[in-house]
């Protein structure tokens, strides 16, 4: 260490320590289920909620407007509307709706799910939790969030919020 002052040696040691700690924290927190970018905890996770007229959920589409309030995406593959909870069953990351491919995709490890929540590609092996939206006498649809979140909890995830 000839030629280096005590101050230079100490400065280098501190810099390397800060760099190592930063890399360690980023690596350990950046994994699936630890940092949820873009995820907003649902405000309501229990009870039966009315999501509107059945005509607002045509076959072949998905509606994400209830994500912030209930933590669900409403999908309709071929006439049956489902409330899907898009938390990846691999490690708990938020699987986002990919309209161009008509599927949910997990950005953490690449799992893919069809619009019914069925696994298309792993590493996830379990389907996304979902419940059928029940048609009401007035033509609207209702979703039982209590059943949906109970199904999610059975997979090992607890609702946030």
C-alpha atoms as a PDB file:
ATOM      1  CA  UNK A   1       0.000   0.000   0.000  1.00  0.00           C
ATOM      2  CA  UNK A   2       2.916   2.287  -0.538  1.00  0.00           C
ATOM      3  CA  UNK A   3       2.058   5.579  -2.120  1.00  0.00           C
ATOM      4  CA  UNK A   4      -1.526   5.664  -0.808  1.00  0.00           C
ATOM      5  CA  UNK A   5      -2.421   7.921   2.045  1.00  0.00           C
ATOM      6  CA  UNK A   6      -4.468   6.746   4.971  1.00  0.00           C
ATOM      7  CA  UNK A   7      -7.335   8.957   3.734  1.00  0.00           C
ATOM      8  CA  UNK A   8      -7.271   7.340   0.246  1.00  0.00           C
ATOM      9  CA  UNK A   9      -7.294   3.821   1.705  1.00  0.00           C
ATOM     10  CA  UNK A  10     -10.179   4.659   4.036  1.00  0.00           C
ATOM     11  CA  UNK A  11     -12.120   6.386   1.224  1.00  0.00           C
ATOM     12  CA  UNK A  12     -11.719   3.361  -1.050  1.00  0.00           C
ATOM     13  CA  UNK A  13     -12.816   0.977   1.716  1.00  0.00           C
ATOM     14  CA  UNK A  14     -15.915   3.056   2.469  1.00  0.00           C
ATOM     15  CA  UNK A  15     -16.815   3.301  -1.232  1.00  0.00           C
ATOM     16  CA  UNK A  16     -16.500  -0.460  -1.713  1.00  0.00           C
ATOM     17  CA  UNK A  17     -18.572  -1.125   1.415  1.00  0.00           C
ATOM     18  CA  UNK A  18     -21.356   1.211   0.267  1.00  0.00           C
ATOM     19  CA  UNK A  19     -21.311  -0.373  -3.184  1.00  0.00           C
ATOM     20  CA  UNK A  20     -21.489  -3.887  -1.704  1.00  0.00           C
ATOM     21  CA  UNK A  21     -24.330  -3.031   0.670  1.00  0.00           C
ATOM     22  CA  UNK A  22     -26.284  -1.316  -2.125  1.00  0.00           C
ATOM     23  CA  UNK A  23     -25.867  -4.299  -4.436  1.00  0.00           C
ATOM     24  CA  UNK A  24     -26.878  -6.717  -1.678  1.00  0.00           C
ATOM     25  CA  UNK A  25     -30.013  -4.782  -0.733  1.00  0.00           C
ATOM     26  CA  UNK A  26     -31.032  -4.286  -4.354  1.00  0.00           C
ATOM     27  CA  UNK A  27     -30.487  -7.961  -5.134  1.00  0.00           C
ATOM     28  CA  UNK A  28     -32.406  -9.232  -2.140  1.00  0.00           C
ATOM     29  CA  UNK A  29     -35.340  -6.802  -2.384  1.00  0.00           C
ATOM     30  CA  UNK A  30     -35.707  -6.849  -6.139  1.00  0.00           C
ATOM     31  CA  UNK A  31     -36.983 -10.431  -6.186  1.00  0.00           C
ATOM     32  CA  UNK A  32     -40.507 -11.578  -6.773  1.00  0.00           C
ATOM     33  CA  UNK A  33     -42.903 -10.701  -3.997  1.00  0.00           C
ATOM     34  CA  UNK A  34     -40.646  -8.314  -2.098  1.00  0.00           C
ATOM     35  CA  UNK A  35     -40.989  -5.101  -4.069  1.00  0.00           C
ATOM     36  CA  UNK A  36     -44.273  -4.654  -5.877  1.00  0.00           C
ATOM     37  CA  UNK A  37     -43.825  -1.885  -8.406  1.00  0.00           C
ATOM     38  CA  UNK A  38     -47.098  -0.400  -9.624  1.00  0.00           C
ATOM     39  CA  UNK A  39     -49.130  -2.481  -7.176  1.00  0.00           C
ATOM     40  CA  UNK A  40     -51.709  -0.555  -5.249  1.00  0.00           C
ATOM     41  CA  UNK A  41     -53.240  -2.492  -2.354  1.00  0.00           C
ATOM     42  CA  UNK A  42     -56.958  -3.051  -2.906  1.00  0.00           C
ATOM     43  CA  UNK A  43     -59.225  -0.954  -0.723  1.00  0.00           C
ATOM     44  CA  UNK A  44     -61.938  -3.642  -0.446  1.00  0.00           C
ATOM     45  CA  UNK A  45     -61.136  -7.358  -0.060  1.00  0.00           C
ATOM     46  CA  UNK A  46     -64.310  -8.796   1.505  1.00  0.00           C
ATOM     47  CA  UNK A  47     -68.007  -8.946   0.752  1.00  0.00           C
ATOM     48  CA  UNK A  48     -70.030  -9.095  -2.423  1.00  0.00           C
ATOM     49  CA  UNK A  49     -69.540  -6.147  -4.770  1.00  0.00           C
ATOM     50  CA  UNK A  50     -71.523  -5.109  -7.831  1.00  0.00           C
ATOM     51  CA  UNK A  51     -69.292  -4.464 -10.848  1.00  0.00           C
ATOM     52  CA  UNK A  52     -71.949  -3.234 -13.270  1.00  0.00           C
ATOM     53  CA  UNK A  53     -73.934  -4.438 -16.264  1.00  0.00           C
ATOM     54  CA  UNK A  54     -72.951  -7.735 -17.871  1.00  0.00           C
ATOM     55  CA  UNK A  55     -72.873  -5.975 -21.277  1.00  0.00           C
ATOM     56  CA  UNK A  56     -69.807  -4.022 -20.068  1.00  0.00           C
ATOM     57  CA  UNK A  57     -67.741  -7.252 -20.129  1.00  0.00           C
ATOM     58  CA  UNK A  58     -67.928  -8.654 -23.695  1.00  0.00           C
ATOM     59  CA  UNK A  59     -66.449 -12.033 -24.623  1.00  0.00           C
ATOM     60  CA  UNK A  60     -62.778 -11.951 -25.569  1.00  0.00           C
ATOM     61  CA  UNK A  61     -61.862  -9.038 -23.346  1.00  0.00           C
ATOM     62  CA  UNK A  62     -60.515  -8.013 -19.973  1.00  0.00           C
ATOM     63  CA  UNK A  63     -61.383  -5.023 -17.830  1.00  0.00           C
ATOM     64  CA  UNK A  64     -58.750  -3.687 -15.408  1.00  0.00           C
ATOM     65  CA  UNK A  65     -60.753  -0.780 -13.979  1.00  0.00           C
ATOM     66  CA  UNK A  66     -61.400  -2.600 -10.671  1.00  0.00           C
ATOM     67  CA  UNK A  67     -57.717  -3.248  -9.917  1.00  0.00           C
ATOM     68  CA  UNK A  68     -57.204  -0.337  -7.510  1.00  0.00           C
ATOM     69  CA  UNK A  69     -60.479  -0.745  -5.646  1.00  0.00           C
ATOM     70  CA  UNK A  70     -60.807  -4.549  -5.436  1.00  0.00           C
ATOM     71  CA  UNK A  71     -57.495  -5.982  -6.707  1.00  0.00           C
ATOM     72  CA  UNK A  72     -59.227  -7.827  -9.553  1.00  0.00           C
ATOM     73  CA  UNK A  73     -59.313  -7.959 -13.332  1.00  0.00           C
ATOM     74  CA  UNK A  74     -62.611  -8.997 -14.916  1.00  0.00           C
ATOM     75  CA  UNK A  75     -62.188 -11.285 -17.908  1.00  0.00           C
ATOM     76  CA  UNK A  76     -64.595 -12.944 -20.304  1.00  0.00           C
ATOM     77  CA  UNK A  77     -63.254 -15.752 -22.443  1.00  0.00           C
ATOM     78  CA  UNK A  78     -66.486 -16.932 -24.074  1.00  0.00           C
ATOM     79  CA  UNK A  79     -69.485 -15.672 -22.140  1.00  0.00           C
ATOM     80  CA  UNK A  80     -68.616 -16.298 -18.485  1.00  0.00           C
ATOM     81  CA  UNK A  81     -67.203 -13.301 -16.642  1.00  0.00           C
ATOM     82  CA  UNK A  82     -64.494 -14.111 -14.096  1.00  0.00           C
ATOM     83  CA  UNK A  83     -62.903 -11.968 -11.434  1.00  0.00           C
ATOM     84  CA  UNK A  84     -59.209 -12.882 -11.539  1.00  0.00           C
ATOM     85  CA  UNK A  85     -56.726 -11.935  -8.818  1.00  0.00           C
ATOM     86  CA  UNK A  86     -53.515 -11.491 -10.858  1.00  0.00           C
ATOM     87  CA  UNK A  87     -50.940 -12.218  -8.155  1.00  0.00           C
ATOM     88  CA  UNK A  88     -48.511 -14.738  -9.650  1.00  0.00           C
ATOM     89  CA  UNK A  89     -48.702 -18.069  -7.858  1.00  0.00           C
ATOM     90  CA  UNK A  90     -44.957 -18.601  -8.224  1.00  0.00           C
ATOM     91  CA  UNK A  91     -43.627 -15.891  -5.890  1.00  0.00           C
ATOM     92  CA  UNK A  92     -46.444 -13.360  -5.542  1.00  0.00           C
ATOM     93  CA  UNK A  93     -45.532 -10.690  -8.087  1.00  0.00           C
ATOM     94  CA  UNK A  94     -48.223  -8.727  -9.849  1.00  0.00           C
ATOM     95  CA  UNK A  95     -48.997 -10.341 -13.197  1.00  0.00           C
ATOM     96  CA  UNK A  96     -50.098  -7.623 -15.604  1.00  0.00           C
ATOM     97  CA  UNK A  97     -52.729  -7.914 -18.307  1.00  0.00           C
ATOM     98  CA  UNK A  98     -51.158  -8.015 -21.778  1.00  0.00           C
ATOM     99  CA  UNK A  99     -54.027  -7.080 -24.078  1.00  0.00           C
ATOM    100  CA  UNK A 100     -52.019  -7.615 -27.272  1.00  0.00           C
ATOM    101  CA  UNK A 101     -51.461 -11.291 -26.318  1.00  0.00           C
ATOM    102  CA  UNK A 102     -54.736 -11.773 -24.372  1.00  0.00           C
ATOM    103  CA  UNK A 103     -52.904 -13.067 -21.292  1.00  0.00           C
ATOM    104  CA  UNK A 104     -51.430 -12.154 -17.924  1.00  0.00           C
ATOM    105  CA  UNK A 105     -47.651 -11.989 -17.749  1.00  0.00           C
ATOM    106  CA  UNK A 106     -45.460 -11.958 -14.663  1.00  0.00           C
ATOM    107  CA  UNK A 107     -42.511  -9.597 -15.096  1.00  0.00           C
ATOM    108  CA  UNK A 108     -40.439 -11.264 -12.357  1.00  0.00           C
ATOM    109  CA  UNK A 109     -39.801 -14.756 -13.717  1.00  0.00           C
ATOM    110  CA  UNK A 110     -41.845 -14.926 -16.934  1.00  0.00           C
ATOM    111  CA  UNK A 111     -44.895 -16.974 -15.910  1.00  0.00           C
ATOM    112  CA  UNK A 112     -47.856 -16.544 -18.232  1.00  0.00           C
ATOM    113  CA  UNK A 113     -51.561 -17.156 -17.634  1.00  0.00           C
ATOM    114  CA  UNK A 114     -54.510 -17.138 -20.024  1.00  0.00           C
ATOM    115  CA  UNK A 115     -57.480 -14.847 -19.451  1.00  0.00           C
ATOM    116  CA  UNK A 116     -59.090 -17.468 -17.204  1.00  0.00           C
ATOM    117  CA  UNK A 117     -55.984 -17.478 -15.014  1.00  0.00           C
ATOM    118  CA  UNK A 118     -54.750 -20.889 -16.180  1.00  0.00           C
ATOM    119  CA  UNK A 119     -50.983 -21.384 -16.355  1.00  0.00           C
ATOM    120  CA  UNK A 120     -49.643 -21.197 -19.903  1.00  0.00           C
ATOM    121  CA  UNK A 121     -45.945 -21.059 -19.014  1.00  0.00           C
ATOM    122  CA  UNK A 122     -44.051 -21.524 -15.747  1.00  0.00           C
ATOM    123  CA  UNK A 123     -42.300 -21.405 -13.408  1.00  0.00           C
ATOM    124  CA  UNK A 124     -45.777 -20.970 -11.828  1.00  0.00           C
ATOM    125  CA  UNK A 125     -47.616 -24.296 -11.589  1.00  0.00           C
ATOM    126  CA  UNK A 126     -50.876 -23.122  -9.980  1.00  0.00           C
ATOM    127  CA  UNK A 127     -53.580 -21.080 -11.687  1.00  0.00           C
ATOM    128  CA  UNK A 128     -54.405 -17.536 -10.608  1.00  0.00           C
ATOM    129  CA  UNK A 129     -57.233 -17.319  -8.048  1.00  0.00           C
ATOM    130  CA  UNK A 130     -60.571 -16.490  -9.678  1.00  0.00           C
ATOM    131  CA  UNK A 131     -64.327 -16.596  -9.078  1.00  0.00           C
ATOM    132  CA  UNK A 132     -67.276 -16.379 -11.441  1.00  0.00           C
ATOM    133  CA  UNK A 133     -69.129 -13.063 -11.446  1.00  0.00           C
ATOM    134  CA  UNK A 134     -72.766 -13.906 -10.647  1.00  0.00           C
ATOM    135  CA  UNK A 135     -75.542 -12.379 -12.742  1.00  0.00           C
ATOM    136  CA  UNK A 136     -78.071 -10.454 -10.663  1.00  0.00           C
ATOM    137  CA  UNK A 137     -81.820 -10.091 -11.409  1.00  0.00           C
ATOM    138  CA  UNK A 138     -81.243  -6.507 -12.613  1.00  0.00           C
ATOM    139  CA  UNK A 139     -78.691  -7.637 -15.244  1.00  0.00           C
ATOM    140  CA  UNK A 140     -75.622  -6.508 -13.324  1.00  0.00           C
ATOM    141  CA  UNK A 141     -72.790  -8.738 -12.134  1.00  0.00           C
ATOM    142  CA  UNK A 142     -71.630  -9.283  -8.570  1.00  0.00           C
ATOM    143  CA  UNK A 143     -68.291 -10.664  -7.351  1.00  0.00           C
ATOM    144  CA  UNK A 144     -67.806 -12.356  -3.987  1.00  0.00           C
ATOM    145  CA  UNK A 145     -64.434 -10.959  -2.912  1.00  0.00           C
ATOM    146  CA  UNK A 146     -64.500 -13.012   0.289  1.00  0.00           C
ATOM    147  CA  UNK A 147     -64.386 -16.253  -1.747  1.00  0.00           C
ATOM    148  CA  UNK A 148     -61.735 -14.860  -4.084  1.00  0.00           C
ATOM    149  CA  UNK A 149     -59.413 -13.753  -1.305  1.00  0.00           C
ATOM    150  CA  UNK A 150     -60.010 -17.005   0.589  1.00  0.00           C
ATOM    151  CA  UNK A 151     -58.843 -18.844  -2.556  1.00  0.00           C
ATOM    152  CA  UNK A 152     -55.782 -16.596  -2.750  1.00  0.00           C
ATOM    153  CA  UNK A 153     -54.978 -17.189   0.930  1.00  0.00           C
ATOM    154  CA  UNK A 154     -55.247 -20.943   0.349  1.00  0.00           C
ATOM    155  CA  UNK A 155     -52.414 -20.521  -2.176  1.00  0.00           C
ATOM    156  CA  UNK A 156     -50.265 -18.929   0.511  1.00  0.00           C
ATOM    157  CA  UNK A 157     -50.873 -15.246  -0.181  1.00  0.00           C
ATOM    158  CA  UNK A 158     -52.679 -12.836   2.081  1.00  0.00           C
ATOM    159  CA  UNK A 159     -54.472  -9.728   0.880  1.00  0.00           C
ATOM    160  CA  UNK A 160     -52.575  -6.498   1.425  1.00  0.00           C
ATOM    161  CA  UNK A 161     -54.253  -3.429   2.733  1.00  0.00           C
END
